[in-house]
Structures are given as C-alpha cells and as structure tokens.
Amino acid sequence: MAPAGRKLQHESRCRPSRPVDAWRAAATTRGRCMGTPGARRRARRGGWGLPRTSSGLAAAGLLCTALTACLCWGQLPPLPWASPAPQRPVSVLLWWEPFGGRGGHSKPPPDCSLRFNISGCRLLTDRAAYGEAQAVLFHHRDLVKGPPDWPPPWGAQERTDEAPELRVFDDQEGAVMLAREALETTGSRPPGQRWVWMNFESPSHTPGLRGLAKDLFNWTLSYRTDSDIFVPYGFLYPRSHPAEQPSGLGPPLARKRGLVAWVVSHWNERQARVRYYHQLRRHVSVDVFGRAGPGQPVPAVGLLHTVARYKFYLAFENSQHVDYITEKLWRNAFLAGAVPVVLGPDRANYERFVPRGSFIHVDDFPSAASLAAYLLFLDRNVAVYRRYFHWRRSYAVHITSFWDEPWCQTCRAVQTSGDQPKSIHNLADWFQR
C-alpha cells in the first residue's frame, strides 16, 4: 500500500535509456553520432575524465551501472508486501464475490500468509459474520449492477448471533435510500468497522458514482496511487532467482514470426485506441485478435504464446486516465516477451512504475506514420530492439491476482492503520478528477 502523495517517479534521472532517443539523434544528424544534449554539454566541458584503458573503462562501466540501478530502483513504488505484517488478527468480509465468482460458483478464500506473506487474516464470505468484520469490501460493478443490497443499519438491539436481514431493491434509487438510512441511524455499523469501495475500472467505465451517498465509504481500493489501499494491475520487483518470470535477458527472437499484435475484446470505433489503430495499420501490418471488430480468434495455444510470436504488442487502454495501466502492459506484453507500444496516460505516468526504456509511447511520435517508421527501424536493427529488454536483467513481473490479492491487502491495511476515523465525502469527485 503506497501512501498518498508519495513520489513514485521511476527513471526520471535515467533518460539516456530510451532507444528512441538514439534513433531520433541519428535521424536528425543524418548519420552523424551526436549523442544526447547532456553528452554534448559534457563533451564541451571536457568530459567526465573517465579512464582511457579497457580495464578502466570496464570498471567505470560497472560503477555507472550500479549507481544507475540504485538511483532508479530507489524510486520504484514499494512492494505491497515489502515489510513484515503485524500479527493482529483481522476479519474482512467480502460482501459479494465480484462478478458472481467464476462460473457463478464461489471459491474458497485465499491463504493470505501463504500467497502474499500477510498473516493474521480471517477472510469471510458468510454475511452472518457481518458484525465480526473489521472491514467490509464492496465491489463497485456489483454495487450498481443488478438488484443491489446493503448491510442493514446496525444498532445495539440488532447485535444477535443471527444473520442480518437483507433488504434488496430493484433499482439504484432504492439502494441509495437504504444507504442513507443506514448513515442516519445511530450506530449504523459495528464499532470501528470500515466500508471499503473497490474498483478496477477507469472513470469512463464506472457508472453510478453520483448515486452513492456521501461519507458512505471509509476507504478506497483501486489501481490509483492515491487510493487508501493501492493495488495496481501489476508491478516490477527485484529478481532474486534467474527462474523468475520473465526469464532470461531477452525473449528468443527466432520464434517471433510477426511484427505487431493486438488483442482487443471490446471494439468501439469512438475509442482513441481504435482510431489510432486505423491510422497505424495504413503504414505497418497489425494482426488483431479478439472477439470483436476485425480480430480473429486467439489461437488455441493461448494469448501469451500468441503474443510471444510478435516483436511488438499494442498495449492500448480502453480509456485514458491517471494510473490506469492494466494487464495489457504487465501480462500481455511484459510476460509474453513483446515490446509494449502504449496508449493510455502520458509517458510520465508510465515512468512512475516501469523503466522509461522498457516501452514505446505513442505520444513520442508526431504521427502514427512516424511510429510505424520507428517500429520498422527496430525490426531491422536487432541490437537496438534488444535494449527494450534490458530491464529484465534486474526485475521480474508481478501480476495481481484478482480478487484474492485486494482482499488480503485490505486485511493488511486494517492491521497497519490507526484508529483515526475517516470517510470519503465525495467519491465521484475524487475518482473522476
């Protein structure tokens, strides 16, 4: 869990790591190696006084690499389980299993200690235990879709061993009325209980926010770094063993038969990603997979094995919002071993989480034609292409496990939080800004 306001810039001081910078310099000078502006300034000042012998240069190179790694790694977001968790027992009730569970069937709660090194967690799905929970987790999509239901007002006269009576409404207006009724009732929740709003969709795909009562929730849980409980779709962490995924210093190029792949399940001509695709495909071939639009079905070998056959993957988000960086980058591109071409928040936002030389941003180019020219350049220049995988020497990829991980992270948040009361006064204003 990252505290709000923490600076997460990853490699703002490691700017020479982008291969596209070298490509642009070469294109601008038409063959003359000018280097970066910083390098030119250093050359005019007489350089850094580096040793001229091969052994001296090698030692200096190792030193620079170590210093760069320390500087860059020090700015990565902290790992969700980077420090030992307190042992205080905590009960967390999941009010609904998101999207009705897998195939409509609930699965057992995860072992937080075994999976995420978070001990002392008692994860609940039985609403009869509502009064015992220190936190109740509400998934937004289930909150506003279908007949919503809420815990009833909690008062001293209702504290029994029986399950609380559920009041279900057929419309959102009724659900909001119930929520407001609960807030107006003295002792509407068990003492010290927190209600946690959980959502992993972007603001563009989060309906019903304005209908939720003010001060209804105590905490937020989402991919946003300013959430009370920050759970991204994925993150990089230091490699401790060569076998950790993604393995190796770079994917085998021999198995890459195609240039650009894109997997998309929801096709909408009005989305920026679809509009950009139409421009890009005029200049370079893009193989599209998915259930809608011009896509062909994903082959039986699966998504990751399919994308692994390509050099580039279009990690295009369905909407552009701060911190909204989904599995399209972490799983579909990084794990598959393809260089991600991203369309989402701006480059600076991506660099808060990943090395700046690990991806290509569409905003780096004045047009789709210019981007296509660069992709074709990388296709012909293997050494430059391989630079996009240098990060694999130091980092491995963690893919968030839904919905086990948010559940366990809520337990940790309760364990590490104080007793100071808090409520979200205007959820919509916060999330939609």
Foldseek 3Di string as FASTA:
>chain_A
DFAPPQQLFQPPVPPVLALVVQVVCCVVVVRDRPGDPVVNVCVVVPHDPFDDDPVSVVVVVVVVVVVSCVVRVVRHTDDLCNDQFDQAAAEEEEAAAPPCDDVNDDDDADQCCVPPVHHRYHYHHDQLCQLVHLEYEYEQVQCAPAFHKDFAFDDPVPPDSGRGDIDTDGHLLVRQVRLVVLVPDVNRGRPNHFYEYEYEDALVPRPDQVSHAFQSGQFYEYCDSNGLQHDNQKAKDWDPDQPFPPHDLAQDLVLAPAAEEEEDADDDCPFPVNVQVVFLCVAGPYAYDYDDDPHHHDDPVDQLQSLLNYQEYEQEDRAADQSNRHCSPQPNDRRSRHAYEYDHYDLSRVSSGDPSRQHHYPVVDPGSNRVSVVSVVCVVPVVSSSSNSNCVVTIHMDGDDPPNVVSSSVRSSVSPDDSDTGGGRRPSVVRVD
